[in-house]
Amino acid sequence: MTRNQNSWCFSGAIAVATLALISCQAATSLPGRYELDTPEGRVTVIITADQRLLAVNPADENDVIEVEFRKVSEDTTLPQSAQVKKLPTRDSRQTSRRESSARNTVGALNRGQQAYYLEFQRFAPQLAQLQLGIKDDEFYRYVSEPIGEGAVQNTAIPLKPDLKVFVGIVAIVQGNLDSRICVNAQASAQELPRVNVPTSTPLTSLPACPPGYEQLP
């Protein structure tokens, strides 16, 4: 990220932080140091005894900006079409990053199985044979295994609550390799989901996502 991009992110964080403080009247009655989680990260805001509002750059504590604000109206109404959104919490951002990493790993497994098939004319029976260097971590366990004739399932199984399961499917469909990634609608899963593969071969269509799962774009 360039310096200008950092500046824009920082400015956006300041704007969100300032509005949050003003909305709870902290800027006029609660001098002190505050930490606010914003979409750009955690921002430290200082309210001085003389009611100055100072925002500290998360990337450089020596970079401090004084934010000027003033009350311009008593009006608190919003347009009828306005939608009020809650800022993502720190925990929700961490969950999103972990799920994104798991999805990317399943995508890598899908591509790895396709490359393996092109070389050996069969799918790898175990994840280790793909030689991708993919390992389990404290949040997800990864499984890659053939399912039926001409298809393989790659799964990211969560090891923590509130994380979603990702299922990759790779198959030979009418002589061509095809794939998809599915995610469960509800977070977490207690057991490995199973993809239903038609018994007739060759396959005429890519196996569908397991029940309760939806395909990712």
Protein backbone atom coordinates (compact mmCIF):
# COMPACT_ATOMS: atom_id res chain seq x y z
CA MET A 1 0.00 0.00 0.00
CA THR A 2 1.37 3.43 -0.96
CA ARG A 3 1.70 6.41 1.35
CA ASN A 4 -1.28 8.09 -0.33
CA GLN A 5 -3.39 4.97 0.13
CA ASN A 6 -2.42 4.81 3.79
CA SER A 7 -3.41 8.47 4.11
CA TRP A 8 -6.81 7.81 2.61
CA CYS A 9 -7.40 4.83 4.90
CA PHE A 10 -6.31 6.89 7.89
CA SER A 11 -8.59 9.78 6.90
CA GLY A 12 -11.52 7.41 6.53
CA ALA A 13 -10.81 5.93 9.95
CA ILE A 14 -10.67 9.42 11.47
CA ALA A 15 -14.04 10.31 9.96
CA VAL A 16 -15.69 7.18 11.33
CA ALA A 17 -14.05 7.62 14.73
CA THR A 18 -15.03 11.28 14.96
CA LEU A 19 -18.66 10.59 14.12
CA ALA A 20 -18.75 7.77 16.65
CA LEU A 21 -17.42 10.01 19.41
CA ILE A 22 -19.73 12.88 18.60
CA SER A 23 -22.76 10.58 18.50
CA CYS A 24 -22.16 9.48 22.09
CA GLN A 25 -21.30 13.05 23.24
CA ALA A 26 -17.84 11.92 24.29
CA ALA A 27 -16.24 14.83 22.50
CA THR A 28 -17.77 17.34 24.90
CA SER A 29 -17.94 15.51 28.21
CA LEU A 30 -15.37 12.70 28.47
CA PRO A 31 -11.73 13.78 28.18
CA GLY A 32 -9.36 10.84 27.85
CA ARG A 33 -7.92 8.31 25.40
CA TYR A 34 -10.25 6.08 23.38
CA GLU A 35 -9.76 3.15 21.02
CA LEU A 36 -12.24 2.62 18.23
CA ASP A 37 -12.47 -0.32 15.84
CA THR A 38 -13.15 0.95 12.32
CA PRO A 39 -13.19 -0.79 8.92
CA GLU A 40 -9.61 0.45 8.44
CA GLY A 41 -8.42 -0.86 11.79
CA ARG A 42 -8.15 0.27 15.38
CA VAL A 43 -7.80 4.04 15.84
CA THR A 44 -6.72 5.85 19.01
CA VAL A 45 -8.55 9.12 19.64
CA ILE A 46 -7.66 11.55 22.42
CA ILE A 47 -10.06 14.12 23.87
CA THR A 48 -8.25 16.82 25.81
CA ALA A 49 -9.57 18.77 28.79
CA ASP A 50 -10.03 21.82 26.55
CA GLN A 51 -12.21 19.72 24.21
CA ARG A 52 -9.68 19.20 21.41
CA LEU A 53 -10.12 16.00 19.41
CA LEU A 54 -6.85 14.32 18.37
CA ALA A 55 -6.57 11.23 16.17
CA VAL A 56 -3.41 9.09 16.23
CA ASN A 57 -2.27 7.38 13.04
CA PRO A 58 -2.40 3.58 13.70
CA ALA A 59 0.78 3.14 11.65
CA ASP A 60 2.76 5.95 13.32
CA GLU A 61 2.04 7.20 16.85
CA ASN A 62 4.02 10.37 16.11
CA ASP A 63 1.54 11.27 13.36
CA VAL A 64 -1.34 13.01 15.16
CA ILE A 65 -4.11 15.01 13.54
CA GLU A 66 -6.38 17.49 15.29
CA VAL A 67 -9.92 17.03 14.02
CA GLU A 68 -12.14 20.09 13.98
CA PHE A 69 -15.87 19.64 14.45
CA ARG A 70 -18.86 21.79 15.24
CA LYS A 71 -22.55 21.35 15.78
CA VAL A 72 -24.50 22.59 12.77
CA SER A 73 -28.08 21.55 13.47
CA GLU A 74 -30.55 20.05 15.95
CA ASP A 75 -31.90 17.81 13.19
CA THR A 76 -31.39 14.08 13.88
CA THR A 77 -33.66 12.63 11.18
CA LEU A 78 -32.46 10.42 8.34
CA PRO A 79 -33.91 9.94 4.86
CA GLN A 80 -36.53 7.19 4.78
CA SER A 81 -34.37 5.21 2.35
CA ALA A 82 -31.29 5.39 4.59
CA GLN A 83 -29.87 2.08 5.84
CA VAL A 84 -27.99 2.10 9.14
CA LYS A 85 -25.12 -0.38 9.18
CA LYS A 86 -23.09 -1.59 12.12
CA LEU A 87 -19.32 -1.46 11.85
CA PRO A 88 -17.69 -4.89 11.76
CA THR A 89 -16.14 -5.82 15.09
CA ARG A 90 -12.54 -6.88 15.48
CA ASP A 91 -13.68 -10.50 16.00
CA SER A 92 -15.82 -10.45 12.86
CA ARG A 93 -12.91 -9.13 10.81
CA GLN A 94 -10.66 -11.90 12.12
CA THR A 95 -13.33 -14.49 11.30
CA SER A 96 -13.66 -13.09 7.79
CA ARG A 97 -9.89 -13.26 7.24
CA ARG A 98 -9.71 -16.87 8.45
CA GLU A 99 -12.61 -17.92 6.25
CA SER A 100 -11.10 -16.12 3.27
CA SER A 101 -7.83 -17.98 3.84
CA ALA A 102 -9.67 -21.32 4.03
CA ARG A 103 -11.57 -20.58 0.83
CA ASN A 104 -8.34 -19.71 -0.95
CA THR A 105 -6.76 -22.94 0.29
CA VAL A 106 -9.67 -25.01 -1.03
CA GLY A 107 -9.26 -23.20 -4.35
CA ALA A 108 -5.58 -24.15 -4.35
CA LEU A 109 -6.51 -27.78 -3.65
CA ASN A 110 -8.98 -27.73 -6.55
CA ARG A 111 -6.29 -26.43 -8.89
CA GLY A 112 -3.76 -28.88 -7.48
CA GLN A 113 -6.04 -31.85 -8.15
CA GLN A 114 -6.65 -30.67 -11.70
CA ALA A 115 -2.92 -30.39 -12.34
CA TYR A 116 -2.37 -33.84 -10.78
CA TYR A 117 -5.05 -35.35 -13.02
CA LEU A 118 -3.54 -33.83 -16.14
CA GLU A 119 -0.20 -35.43 -15.28
CA PHE A 120 -1.30 -38.82 -13.97
CA GLN A 121 -4.81 -39.27 -15.43
CA ARG A 122 -6.23 -39.76 -11.94
CA PHE A 123 -6.88 -37.69 -8.83
CA ALA A 124 -4.51 -37.74 -5.87
CA PRO A 125 -5.91 -40.04 -3.16
CA GLN A 126 -4.40 -37.94 -0.38
CA LEU A 127 -3.61 -34.28 0.15
CA ALA A 128 0.11 -34.90 0.74
CA GLN A 129 0.52 -36.31 -2.78
CA LEU A 130 -0.36 -32.92 -4.24
CA GLN A 131 2.87 -31.54 -2.73
CA LEU A 132 1.36 -28.09 -2.23
CA GLY A 133 2.76 -27.54 1.25
CA ILE A 134 -0.74 -27.09 2.67
CA LYS A 135 -0.96 -27.92 6.37
CA ASP A 136 -3.63 -27.82 9.03
CA ASP A 137 -3.61 -24.85 11.39
CA GLU A 138 -5.38 -23.96 14.62
CA PHE A 139 -8.49 -22.85 12.73
CA TYR A 140 -8.95 -25.35 9.89
CA ARG A 141 -8.20 -28.95 8.97
CA TYR A 142 -7.91 -29.79 5.27
CA VAL A 143 -8.97 -33.05 3.61
CA SER A 144 -8.65 -34.09 -0.03
CA GLU A 145 -10.13 -37.41 -1.12
CA PRO A 146 -11.69 -39.03 -4.21
CA ILE A 147 -15.48 -39.42 -4.18
CA GLY A 148 -16.81 -41.97 -6.61
CA GLU A 149 -15.49 -42.41 -10.12
CA GLY A 150 -13.91 -39.35 -11.69
CA ALA A 151 -14.41 -36.85 -8.88
CA VAL A 152 -12.61 -35.55 -5.81
CA GLN A 153 -13.67 -33.50 -2.79
CA ASN A 154 -11.48 -30.92 -1.03
CA THR A 155 -12.75 -29.73 2.33
CA ALA A 156 -11.77 -27.06 4.85
CA ILE A 157 -13.13 -28.24 8.21
CA PRO A 158 -13.27 -25.58 10.96
CA LEU A 159 -11.69 -26.35 14.31
CA LYS A 160 -13.23 -23.31 16.02
CA PRO A 161 -16.88 -22.33 16.42
CA ASP A 162 -18.47 -19.75 14.11
CA LEU A 163 -16.23 -20.59 11.16
CA LYS A 164 -17.79 -21.82 7.93
CA VAL A 165 -17.03 -25.03 6.07
CA PHE A 166 -15.74 -24.83 2.50
CA VAL A 167 -16.07 -27.72 0.06
CA GLY A 168 -14.27 -27.92 -3.26
CA ILE A 169 -15.42 -30.31 -5.98
CA VAL A 170 -13.34 -31.33 -8.99
CA ALA A 171 -14.63 -33.79 -11.57
CA ILE A 172 -14.23 -35.05 -15.11
CA VAL A 173 -17.39 -33.95 -16.91
CA GLN A 174 -17.78 -35.29 -20.44
CA GLY A 175 -14.02 -35.57 -20.74
CA ASN A 176 -13.23 -32.12 -19.34
CA LEU A 177 -12.08 -30.99 -15.90
CA ASP A 178 -14.57 -28.82 -14.02
CA SER A 179 -14.73 -27.53 -10.45
CA ARG A 180 -16.68 -25.51 -7.94
CA ILE A 181 -16.40 -24.28 -4.33
CA CYS A 182 -19.31 -24.47 -1.90
CA VAL A 183 -19.89 -22.94 1.54
CA ASN A 184 -22.37 -23.94 4.19
CA ALA A 185 -25.17 -21.48 4.90
CA GLN A 186 -24.76 -21.92 8.66
CA ALA A 187 -21.40 -21.53 10.39
CA SER A 188 -19.55 -24.60 11.69
CA ALA A 189 -20.09 -28.29 11.00
CA GLN A 190 -19.68 -31.31 13.23
CA GLU A 191 -18.81 -33.82 10.53
CA LEU A 192 -17.35 -33.94 7.05
CA PRO A 193 -20.01 -33.06 4.44
CA ARG A 194 -20.45 -35.52 1.62
CA VAL A 195 -20.91 -34.65 -2.03
CA ASN A 196 -23.39 -36.88 -3.84
CA VAL A 197 -21.81 -38.26 -7.01
CA PRO A 198 -23.91 -40.10 -9.62
CA THR A 199 -22.97 -43.77 -9.95
CA SER A 200 -23.15 -43.66 -13.74
CA THR A 201 -19.98 -42.70 -15.59
CA PRO A 202 -18.79 -40.71 -17.37
CA LEU A 203 -20.33 -37.78 -15.53
CA THR A 204 -22.55 -35.53 -17.61
CA SER A 205 -22.59 -32.68 -15.08
CA LEU A 206 -20.53 -31.42 -12.15
CA PRO A 207 -21.75 -32.86 -8.81
CA ALA A 208 -23.88 -30.41 -6.85
CA CYS A 209 -22.98 -28.83 -3.53
CA PRO A 210 -23.89 -30.88 -0.44
CA PRO A 211 -27.34 -30.24 1.09
CA GLY A 212 -27.36 -26.95 3.01
CA TYR A 213 -24.45 -25.57 1.00
CA GLU A 214 -24.39 -22.95 -1.73
CA GLN A 215 -21.97 -22.40 -4.57
CA LEU A 216 -19.57 -19.49 -4.35
CA PRO A 217 -19.09 -17.29 -7.40
